[in-house]
Amino acid sequence: MDGEFREMMAGFPTGVSVVTARHGVEPPWGMTCSSLCSLSTAPPRLLVCLRAQSPTLDAVLASGAFAVNLLHGDAEQVAALFASGAADRFERVVWKPSARTGSPALVESAHAIADCTVARTHPDGDHVIVVGVVRSVERFDRDSSLLYGFRQYGELSRPLPVSRGARD
């Protein structure tokens, strides 16, 4: 059943994010995450599902905060880097502490970043559902989102505005 479920979910394209956190002076942590959804707009809340044994989850829980970096269409290498578990991943990307919580903001790889505090958690299976209260949103002038489905990356671009020129 596990294999059938994995195959089914591989066929469900979704946006790609990197969830990041940092506790005190400890090094930052981050992981590629496609298990993300909006939960509420009033107040603004979202949820992410993080692997229970993840050091990123440990940093999220210890700090009580995290950032959701929604990757733009040209950030496939960043998604692969943060999925790899490479110890030097934060040395290979441009980032800065977010304004509200200090969580790492991947400013060159994201089209938007949500800076969140942890509202609650819910362990389930091999993951932990983390509900975050969105404290601020930073958007960048990038017109595409990175997607993942059928075990490959793709890109969704913002449609060009329709020109309303003179009639013939």
N, C-alpha and C. Protein backbone atom coordinates (compact mmCIF):
# COMPACT_ATOMS: atom_id res chain seq x y z
N MET A 1 0.82 -1.20 0.00
CA MET A 1 0.00 0.00 0.00
C MET A 1 0.86 1.25 0.00
N ASP A 2 2.01 1.23 0.74
CA ASP A 2 2.87 2.40 0.82
C ASP A 2 3.32 2.86 -0.56
N GLY A 3 3.75 1.92 -1.39
CA GLY A 3 4.20 2.25 -2.75
C GLY A 3 3.08 2.82 -3.61
N GLU A 4 1.89 2.24 -3.50
CA GLU A 4 0.75 2.74 -4.28
C GLU A 4 0.38 4.16 -3.85
N PHE A 5 0.42 4.41 -2.56
CA PHE A 5 0.10 5.75 -2.06
C PHE A 5 1.13 6.76 -2.54
N ARG A 6 2.42 6.40 -2.47
CA ARG A 6 3.47 7.30 -2.94
C ARG A 6 3.29 7.63 -4.43
N GLU A 7 2.97 6.63 -5.23
CA GLU A 7 2.76 6.85 -6.67
C GLU A 7 1.55 7.76 -6.91
N MET A 8 0.49 7.55 -6.17
CA MET A 8 -0.69 8.40 -6.32
C MET A 8 -0.33 9.85 -6.01
N MET A 9 0.38 10.09 -4.90
CA MET A 9 0.71 11.45 -4.50
C MET A 9 1.74 12.08 -5.44
N ALA A 10 2.59 11.26 -6.06
CA ALA A 10 3.56 11.80 -7.03
C ALA A 10 2.84 12.42 -8.22
N GLY A 11 1.64 11.96 -8.52
CA GLY A 11 0.86 12.50 -9.62
C GLY A 11 0.02 13.70 -9.26
N PHE A 12 0.23 14.26 -8.09
CA PHE A 12 -0.51 15.44 -7.65
C PHE A 12 0.44 16.63 -7.63
N PRO A 13 0.48 17.41 -8.70
CA PRO A 13 1.41 18.54 -8.74
C PRO A 13 1.10 19.57 -7.66
N THR A 14 2.16 20.13 -7.10
CA THR A 14 2.00 21.10 -6.02
C THR A 14 3.13 22.12 -6.09
N GLY A 15 2.93 23.25 -5.44
CA GLY A 15 3.99 24.25 -5.34
C GLY A 15 5.11 23.76 -4.45
N VAL A 16 6.28 24.38 -4.61
CA VAL A 16 7.45 23.97 -3.84
C VAL A 16 7.89 25.12 -2.94
N SER A 17 8.12 24.79 -1.68
CA SER A 17 8.61 25.77 -0.72
C SER A 17 9.81 25.20 0.01
N VAL A 18 10.53 26.09 0.67
CA VAL A 18 11.57 25.68 1.61
C VAL A 18 11.17 26.28 2.95
N VAL A 19 11.00 25.41 3.94
CA VAL A 19 10.68 25.85 5.30
C VAL A 19 12.00 25.99 6.04
N THR A 20 12.19 27.16 6.67
CA THR A 20 13.45 27.45 7.36
C THR A 20 13.19 27.89 8.79
N ALA A 21 14.18 27.65 9.65
CA ALA A 21 14.08 28.06 11.05
C ALA A 21 15.48 28.20 11.61
N ARG A 22 15.56 29.00 12.66
CA ARG A 22 16.84 29.17 13.35
C ARG A 22 16.55 29.45 14.81
N HIS A 23 17.23 28.71 15.68
CA HIS A 23 17.04 28.89 17.11
C HIS A 23 18.28 29.53 17.70
N GLY A 24 18.14 30.77 18.19
CA GLY A 24 19.25 31.48 18.82
C GLY A 24 20.45 31.62 17.92
N VAL A 25 21.61 31.27 18.43
CA VAL A 25 22.85 31.38 17.66
C VAL A 25 23.18 30.10 16.91
N GLU A 26 22.30 29.11 17.01
CA GLU A 26 22.51 27.84 16.31
C GLU A 26 22.49 28.08 14.80
N PRO A 27 23.14 27.21 14.01
CA PRO A 27 23.07 27.35 12.55
C PRO A 27 21.62 27.20 12.08
N PRO A 28 21.29 27.82 10.94
CA PRO A 28 19.94 27.70 10.42
C PRO A 28 19.67 26.30 9.86
N TRP A 29 18.40 25.95 9.82
CA TRP A 29 17.97 24.69 9.25
C TRP A 29 16.90 24.97 8.20
N GLY A 30 16.77 24.07 7.24
CA GLY A 30 15.75 24.23 6.23
C GLY A 30 15.56 22.96 5.43
N MET A 31 14.36 22.79 4.92
CA MET A 31 14.05 21.61 4.11
C MET A 31 13.02 21.95 3.05
N THR A 32 13.14 21.30 1.91
CA THR A 32 12.16 21.45 0.85
C THR A 32 10.85 20.83 1.32
N CYS A 33 9.76 21.53 1.06
CA CYS A 33 8.46 21.08 1.55
C CYS A 33 7.39 21.36 0.52
N SER A 34 6.67 20.33 0.14
CA SER A 34 5.52 20.53 -0.76
C SER A 34 4.20 20.27 -0.02
N SER A 35 4.31 19.89 1.25
CA SER A 35 3.12 19.68 2.09
C SER A 35 2.80 20.96 2.83
N LEU A 36 2.11 21.85 2.15
CA LEU A 36 1.82 23.19 2.64
C LEU A 36 0.43 23.58 2.16
N CYS A 37 -0.33 24.22 3.02
CA CYS A 37 -1.62 24.75 2.56
C CYS A 37 -2.05 25.91 3.43
N SER A 38 -2.89 26.76 2.87
CA SER A 38 -3.46 27.84 3.66
C SER A 38 -4.54 27.23 4.54
N LEU A 39 -4.68 27.77 5.73
CA LEU A 39 -5.63 27.23 6.68
C LEU A 39 -6.75 28.24 6.96
N SER A 40 -6.38 29.52 7.09
CA SER A 40 -7.34 30.55 7.45
C SER A 40 -6.83 31.89 6.94
N THR A 41 -7.76 32.77 6.58
CA THR A 41 -7.35 34.13 6.21
C THR A 41 -7.60 35.12 7.34
N ALA A 42 -8.45 34.78 8.28
CA ALA A 42 -8.74 35.67 9.40
C ALA A 42 -8.79 34.87 10.69
N PRO A 43 -7.71 34.75 11.43
CA PRO A 43 -6.40 35.33 11.16
C PRO A 43 -5.64 34.51 10.12
N PRO A 44 -4.64 35.12 9.46
CA PRO A 44 -3.89 34.37 8.45
C PRO A 44 -3.07 33.24 9.08
N ARG A 45 -3.38 32.03 8.67
CA ARG A 45 -2.68 30.85 9.17
C ARG A 45 -2.42 29.89 8.02
N LEU A 46 -1.34 29.16 8.15
CA LEU A 46 -1.03 28.10 7.18
C LEU A 46 -0.54 26.90 7.95
N LEU A 47 -0.45 25.78 7.24
CA LEU A 47 0.13 24.62 7.88
C LEU A 47 1.15 23.98 6.97
N VAL A 48 2.16 23.42 7.60
CA VAL A 48 3.19 22.66 6.90
C VAL A 48 3.31 21.31 7.60
N CYS A 49 3.67 20.31 6.84
CA CYS A 49 3.89 18.98 7.40
C CYS A 49 5.38 18.67 7.28
N LEU A 50 6.02 18.49 8.42
CA LEU A 50 7.47 18.26 8.46
C LEU A 50 7.75 16.88 9.02
N ARG A 51 8.78 16.23 8.48
CA ARG A 51 9.17 14.90 8.93
C ARG A 51 9.50 14.93 10.41
N ALA A 52 8.98 13.98 11.15
CA ALA A 52 9.10 13.97 12.61
C ALA A 52 10.55 13.95 13.08
N GLN A 53 11.44 13.33 12.35
CA GLN A 53 12.84 13.23 12.78
C GLN A 53 13.72 14.32 12.18
N SER A 54 13.13 15.36 11.63
CA SER A 54 13.87 16.41 10.93
C SER A 54 14.51 17.41 11.89
N PRO A 55 15.78 17.76 11.67
CA PRO A 55 16.39 18.83 12.45
C PRO A 55 15.71 20.18 12.20
N THR A 56 15.11 20.34 11.02
CA THR A 56 14.36 21.57 10.75
C THR A 56 13.17 21.66 11.68
N LEU A 57 12.45 20.56 11.86
CA LEU A 57 11.33 20.55 12.80
C LEU A 57 11.83 20.88 14.21
N ASP A 58 12.96 20.31 14.61
CA ASP A 58 13.52 20.61 15.93
C ASP A 58 13.76 22.11 16.09
N ALA A 59 14.31 22.76 15.05
CA ALA A 59 14.57 24.20 15.11
C ALA A 59 13.27 24.99 15.15
N VAL A 60 12.26 24.56 14.40
CA VAL A 60 10.94 25.22 14.41
C VAL A 60 10.36 25.16 15.82
N LEU A 61 10.39 23.99 16.42
CA LEU A 61 9.80 23.83 17.76
C LEU A 61 10.60 24.59 18.82
N ALA A 62 11.92 24.58 18.73
CA ALA A 62 12.76 25.26 19.72
C ALA A 62 12.61 26.78 19.63
N SER A 63 12.50 27.31 18.41
CA SER A 63 12.41 28.76 18.22
C SER A 63 10.98 29.27 18.29
N GLY A 64 10.02 28.39 18.01
CA GLY A 64 8.62 28.81 17.95
C GLY A 64 8.29 29.63 16.72
N ALA A 65 9.16 29.55 15.70
CA ALA A 65 8.97 30.36 14.50
C ALA A 65 9.57 29.64 13.29
N PHE A 66 9.11 30.05 12.11
CA PHE A 66 9.64 29.52 10.86
C PHE A 66 9.25 30.44 9.71
N ALA A 67 9.94 30.28 8.60
CA ALA A 67 9.60 31.00 7.38
C ALA A 67 9.24 29.99 6.30
N VAL A 68 8.24 30.32 5.52
CA VAL A 68 7.88 29.53 4.34
C VAL A 68 8.31 30.34 3.13
N ASN A 69 9.29 29.83 2.42
CA ASN A 69 9.84 30.47 1.24
C ASN A 69 9.24 29.81 0.01
N LEU A 70 8.30 30.48 -0.67
CA LEU A 70 7.70 29.94 -1.88
C LEU A 70 8.66 30.18 -3.04
N LEU A 71 9.16 29.11 -3.63
CA LEU A 71 10.21 29.23 -4.64
C LEU A 71 9.67 29.69 -5.98
N HIS A 72 10.48 30.52 -6.66
CA HIS A 72 10.12 30.94 -8.02
C HIS A 72 10.57 29.88 -9.02
N GLY A 73 10.13 30.01 -10.25
CA GLY A 73 10.33 28.98 -11.26
C GLY A 73 11.76 28.66 -11.61
N ASP A 74 12.70 29.57 -11.34
CA ASP A 74 14.11 29.32 -11.65
C ASP A 74 14.88 28.76 -10.46
N ALA A 75 14.20 28.35 -9.40
CA ALA A 75 14.87 27.92 -8.17
C ALA A 75 14.89 26.40 -7.99
N GLU A 76 14.85 25.66 -9.08
CA GLU A 76 14.87 24.20 -8.99
C GLU A 76 16.12 23.70 -8.26
N GLN A 77 17.27 24.31 -8.51
CA GLN A 77 18.50 23.87 -7.84
C GLN A 77 18.43 24.10 -6.33
N VAL A 78 17.75 25.15 -5.91
CA VAL A 78 17.59 25.42 -4.48
C VAL A 78 16.67 24.36 -3.85
N ALA A 79 15.60 24.01 -4.56
CA ALA A 79 14.71 22.95 -4.07
C ALA A 79 15.47 21.64 -3.91
N ALA A 80 16.28 21.29 -4.91
CA ALA A 80 17.06 20.05 -4.84
C ALA A 80 18.10 20.12 -3.72
N LEU A 81 18.73 21.28 -3.54
CA LEU A 81 19.73 21.45 -2.49
C LEU A 81 19.12 21.23 -1.11
N PHE A 82 17.96 21.83 -0.86
CA PHE A 82 17.34 21.71 0.47
C PHE A 82 16.66 20.35 0.67
N ALA A 83 16.44 19.62 -0.41
CA ALA A 83 15.95 18.25 -0.30
C ALA A 83 17.10 17.27 -0.06
N SER A 84 18.32 17.68 -0.39
CA SER A 84 19.48 16.78 -0.32
C SER A 84 20.00 16.56 1.10
N GLY A 85 19.76 17.50 1.99
CA GLY A 85 20.32 17.41 3.33
C GLY A 85 21.77 17.85 3.41
N ALA A 86 22.29 18.49 2.37
CA ALA A 86 23.68 18.96 2.37
C ALA A 86 23.92 19.88 3.57
N ALA A 87 24.99 19.64 4.29
CA ALA A 87 25.28 20.41 5.50
C ALA A 87 25.58 21.88 5.20
N ASP A 88 26.07 22.18 4.00
CA ASP A 88 26.46 23.55 3.66
C ASP A 88 25.41 24.30 2.86
N ARG A 89 24.17 23.86 2.89
CA ARG A 89 23.14 24.47 2.03
C ARG A 89 22.97 25.96 2.24
N PHE A 90 23.07 26.45 3.48
CA PHE A 90 22.90 27.89 3.71
C PHE A 90 24.12 28.69 3.27
N GLU A 91 25.25 28.04 3.06
CA GLU A 91 26.42 28.71 2.52
C GLU A 91 26.33 28.82 1.00
N ARG A 92 25.40 28.11 0.39
CA ARG A 92 25.29 28.07 -1.07
C ARG A 92 24.11 28.87 -1.61
N VAL A 93 23.38 29.55 -0.72
CA VAL A 93 22.25 30.39 -1.15
C VAL A 93 22.34 31.75 -0.44
N VAL A 94 21.69 32.74 -1.03
CA VAL A 94 21.61 34.05 -0.39
C VAL A 94 20.40 34.05 0.53
N TRP A 95 20.64 34.43 1.79
CA TRP A 95 19.54 34.50 2.75
C TRP A 95 19.82 35.62 3.75
N LYS A 96 18.77 36.03 4.42
CA LYS A 96 18.89 37.02 5.50
C LYS A 96 17.86 36.65 6.56
N PRO A 97 18.06 37.09 7.79
CA PRO A 97 17.04 36.84 8.82
C PRO A 97 15.77 37.61 8.48
N SER A 98 14.63 36.96 8.63
CA SER A 98 13.36 37.65 8.38
C SER A 98 13.14 38.73 9.42
N ALA A 99 12.34 39.72 9.06
CA ALA A 99 12.16 40.90 9.91
C ALA A 99 11.48 40.60 11.25
N ARG A 100 10.47 39.74 11.24
CA ARG A 100 9.69 39.52 12.46
C ARG A 100 10.29 38.46 13.38
N THR A 101 10.69 37.32 12.81
CA THR A 101 11.11 36.20 13.67
C THR A 101 12.59 35.85 13.55
N GLY A 102 13.27 36.37 12.55
CA GLY A 102 14.67 36.02 12.35
C GLY A 102 14.87 34.71 11.62
N SER A 103 13.79 34.07 11.18
CA SER A 103 13.91 32.84 10.41
C SER A 103 14.57 33.15 9.07
N PRO A 104 15.36 32.23 8.52
CA PRO A 104 16.05 32.50 7.27
C PRO A 104 15.08 32.75 6.10
N ALA A 105 15.28 33.88 5.44
CA ALA A 105 14.49 34.25 4.26
C ALA A 105 15.39 34.08 3.03
N LEU A 106 14.97 33.23 2.12
CA LEU A 106 15.75 32.95 0.90
C LEU A 106 15.40 34.00 -0.16
N VAL A 107 15.98 35.18 -0.04
CA VAL A 107 15.53 36.35 -0.78
C VAL A 107 15.76 36.29 -2.28
N GLU A 108 16.69 35.48 -2.75
CA GLU A 108 16.91 35.38 -4.20
C GLU A 108 16.20 34.19 -4.82
N SER A 109 15.72 33.27 -4.01
CA SER A 109 15.12 32.05 -4.53
C SER A 109 13.60 32.04 -4.43
N ALA A 110 13.03 32.96 -3.68
CA ALA A 110 11.59 32.95 -3.41
C ALA A 110 10.87 34.04 -4.19
N HIS A 111 9.60 33.77 -4.49
CA HIS A 111 8.75 34.83 -5.02
C HIS A 111 7.90 35.43 -3.90
N ALA A 112 7.82 34.72 -2.77
CA ALA A 112 7.12 35.25 -1.59
C ALA A 112 7.61 34.48 -0.37
N ILE A 113 7.57 35.18 0.78
CA ILE A 113 8.00 34.57 2.04
C ILE A 113 6.99 34.92 3.11
N ALA A 114 6.52 33.90 3.82
CA ALA A 114 5.64 34.09 4.97
C ALA A 114 6.46 33.85 6.23
N ASP A 115 6.49 34.84 7.10
CA ASP A 115 7.20 34.77 8.37
C ASP A 115 6.16 34.37 9.42
N CYS A 116 6.36 33.23 10.08
CA CYS A 116 5.31 32.64 10.93
C CYS A 116 5.80 32.34 12.34
N THR A 117 4.85 32.32 13.26
CA THR A 117 5.09 31.78 14.59
C THR A 117 4.22 30.54 14.75
N VAL A 118 4.69 29.61 15.56
CA VAL A 118 3.99 28.34 15.75
C VAL A 118 2.76 28.55 16.65
N ALA A 119 1.59 28.15 16.14
CA ALA A 119 0.36 28.21 16.94
C ALA A 119 0.12 26.89 17.65
N ARG A 120 0.33 25.79 16.94
CA ARG A 120 0.15 24.46 17.53
C ARG A 120 0.78 23.43 16.62
N THR A 121 0.95 22.24 17.15
CA THR A 121 1.48 21.12 16.37
C THR A 121 0.60 19.90 16.60
N HIS A 122 0.68 19.00 15.64
CA HIS A 122 -0.10 17.76 15.75
C HIS A 122 0.70 16.64 15.11
N PRO A 123 1.30 15.75 15.90
CA PRO A 123 2.01 14.60 15.32
C PRO A 123 1.02 13.64 14.68
N ASP A 124 1.38 13.13 13.50
CA ASP A 124 0.53 12.15 12.84
C ASP A 124 1.40 11.32 11.90
N GLY A 125 1.46 10.03 12.13
CA GLY A 125 2.30 9.16 11.32
C GLY A 125 3.76 9.55 11.47
N ASP A 126 4.47 9.63 10.35
CA ASP A 126 5.90 9.96 10.40
C ASP A 126 6.16 11.46 10.23
N HIS A 127 5.11 12.28 10.31
CA HIS A 127 5.23 13.73 10.17
C HIS A 127 4.57 14.45 11.34
N VAL A 128 4.85 15.74 11.44
CA VAL A 128 4.20 16.61 12.42
C VAL A 128 3.57 17.76 11.64
N ILE A 129 2.29 17.98 11.86
CA ILE A 129 1.59 19.11 11.25
C ILE A 129 1.89 20.32 12.13
N VAL A 130 2.41 21.37 11.52
CA VAL A 130 2.72 22.60 12.24
C VAL A 130 1.80 23.70 11.71
N VAL A 131 0.99 24.26 12.59
CA VAL A 131 0.12 25.38 12.23
C VAL A 131 0.87 26.66 12.57
N GLY A 132 0.99 27.53 11.58
CA GLY A 132 1.70 28.78 11.78
C GLY A 132 0.79 29.99 11.62
N VAL A 133 0.96 30.96 12.51
CA VAL A 133 0.29 32.25 12.37
C VAL A 133 1.21 33.11 11.51
N VAL A 134 0.69 33.60 10.39
CA VAL A 134 1.51 34.41 9.48
C VAL A 134 1.62 35.81 10.08
N ARG A 135 2.85 36.21 10.41
CA ARG A 135 3.11 37.51 11.03
C ARG A 135 3.43 38.58 10.00
N SER A 136 4.02 38.18 8.87
CA SER A 136 4.29 39.12 7.79
C SER A 136 4.50 38.34 6.50
N VAL A 137 4.28 39.03 5.40
CA VAL A 137 4.50 38.45 4.07
C VAL A 137 5.37 39.42 3.29
N GLU A 138 6.40 38.87 2.65
CA GLU A 138 7.25 39.66 1.77
C GLU A 138 7.12 39.07 0.38
N ARG A 139 6.82 39.93 -0.59
CA ARG A 139 6.67 39.48 -1.98
C ARG A 139 7.73 40.13 -2.84
N PHE A 140 8.18 39.39 -3.84
CA PHE A 140 9.21 39.87 -4.74
C PHE A 140 8.65 39.91 -6.16
N ASP A 141 9.24 40.73 -6.98
CA ASP A 141 8.77 40.92 -8.35
C ASP A 141 9.28 39.78 -9.24
N ARG A 142 8.70 38.61 -9.05
CA ARG A 142 9.05 37.44 -9.86
C ARG A 142 7.75 36.82 -10.32
N ASP A 143 7.69 36.47 -11.57
CA ASP A 143 6.42 36.09 -12.19
C ASP A 143 6.24 34.60 -12.42
N SER A 144 6.86 33.76 -11.60
CA SER A 144 6.67 32.33 -11.77
C SER A 144 6.79 31.61 -10.44
N SER A 145 6.20 30.43 -10.39
CA SER A 145 6.26 29.56 -9.22
C SER A 145 6.84 28.22 -9.64
N LEU A 146 7.62 27.62 -8.75
CA LEU A 146 8.16 26.29 -8.99
C LEU A 146 7.11 25.26 -8.57
N LEU A 147 6.88 24.28 -9.43
CA LEU A 147 5.93 23.20 -9.15
C LEU A 147 6.67 21.86 -9.15
N TYR A 148 6.07 20.85 -8.51
CA TYR A 148 6.63 19.51 -8.52
C TYR A 148 5.49 18.51 -8.66
N GLY A 149 5.61 17.63 -9.63
CA GLY A 149 4.62 16.58 -9.85
C GLY A 149 5.17 15.54 -10.80
N PHE A 150 4.70 14.32 -10.69
CA PHE A 150 5.19 13.21 -11.51
C PHE A 150 6.71 13.10 -11.42
N ARG A 151 7.26 13.42 -10.22
CA ARG A 151 8.69 13.33 -9.91
C ARG A 151 9.57 14.22 -10.80
N GLN A 152 9.00 15.36 -11.19
CA GLN A 152 9.80 16.34 -11.94
C GLN A 152 9.32 17.75 -11.62
N TYR A 153 10.23 18.69 -11.83
CA TYR A 153 9.91 20.09 -11.59
C TYR A 153 9.30 20.71 -12.83
N GLY A 154 8.48 21.71 -12.61
CA GLY A 154 7.89 22.49 -13.68
C GLY A 154 7.73 23.91 -13.19
N GLU A 155 7.19 24.75 -14.04
CA GLU A 155 7.07 26.16 -13.72
C GLU A 155 5.70 26.66 -14.16
N LEU A 156 5.10 27.46 -13.33
CA LEU A 156 3.86 28.13 -13.68
C LEU A 156 4.15 29.62 -13.72
N SER A 157 3.93 30.22 -14.88
CA SER A 157 4.21 31.65 -15.03
C SER A 157 2.93 32.44 -15.02
N ARG A 158 3.04 33.65 -14.54
CA ARG A 158 1.90 34.57 -14.54
C ARG A 158 1.58 34.91 -16.00
N PRO A 159 0.31 34.86 -16.36
CA PRO A 159 -0.02 35.19 -17.75
C PRO A 159 0.28 36.67 -18.04
N LEU A 160 0.68 36.91 -19.27
CA LEU A 160 0.92 38.29 -19.69
C LEU A 160 -0.40 39.02 -19.77
N PRO A 161 -0.42 40.31 -19.46
CA PRO A 161 -1.67 41.06 -19.55
C PRO A 161 -2.14 41.12 -21.00
N VAL A 162 -3.44 41.08 -21.18
CA VAL A 162 -4.02 41.15 -22.52
C VAL A 162 -3.97 42.61 -22.96
N SER A 163 -3.44 42.82 -24.13
CA SER A 163 -3.36 44.17 -24.67
C SER A 163 -4.70 44.55 -25.27
N ARG A 164 -5.16 45.71 -24.97
CA ARG A 164 -6.44 46.19 -25.51
C ARG A 164 -6.13 47.30 -26.51
N GLY A 165 -5.57 46.88 -27.64
CA GLY A 165 -5.17 47.84 -28.66
C GLY A 165 -6.36 48.30 -29.52
N ALA A 166 -6.04 49.10 -30.50
CA ALA A 166 -7.06 49.63 -31.42
C ALA A 166 -7.66 48.49 -32.24
N ARG A 167 -8.93 48.63 -32.55
CA ARG A 167 -9.61 47.62 -33.39
C ARG A 167 -9.30 47.88 -34.85
N ASP A 168 -9.27 46.78 -35.59
CA ASP A 168 -9.03 46.90 -37.04
C ASP A 168 -10.27 47.39 -37.76
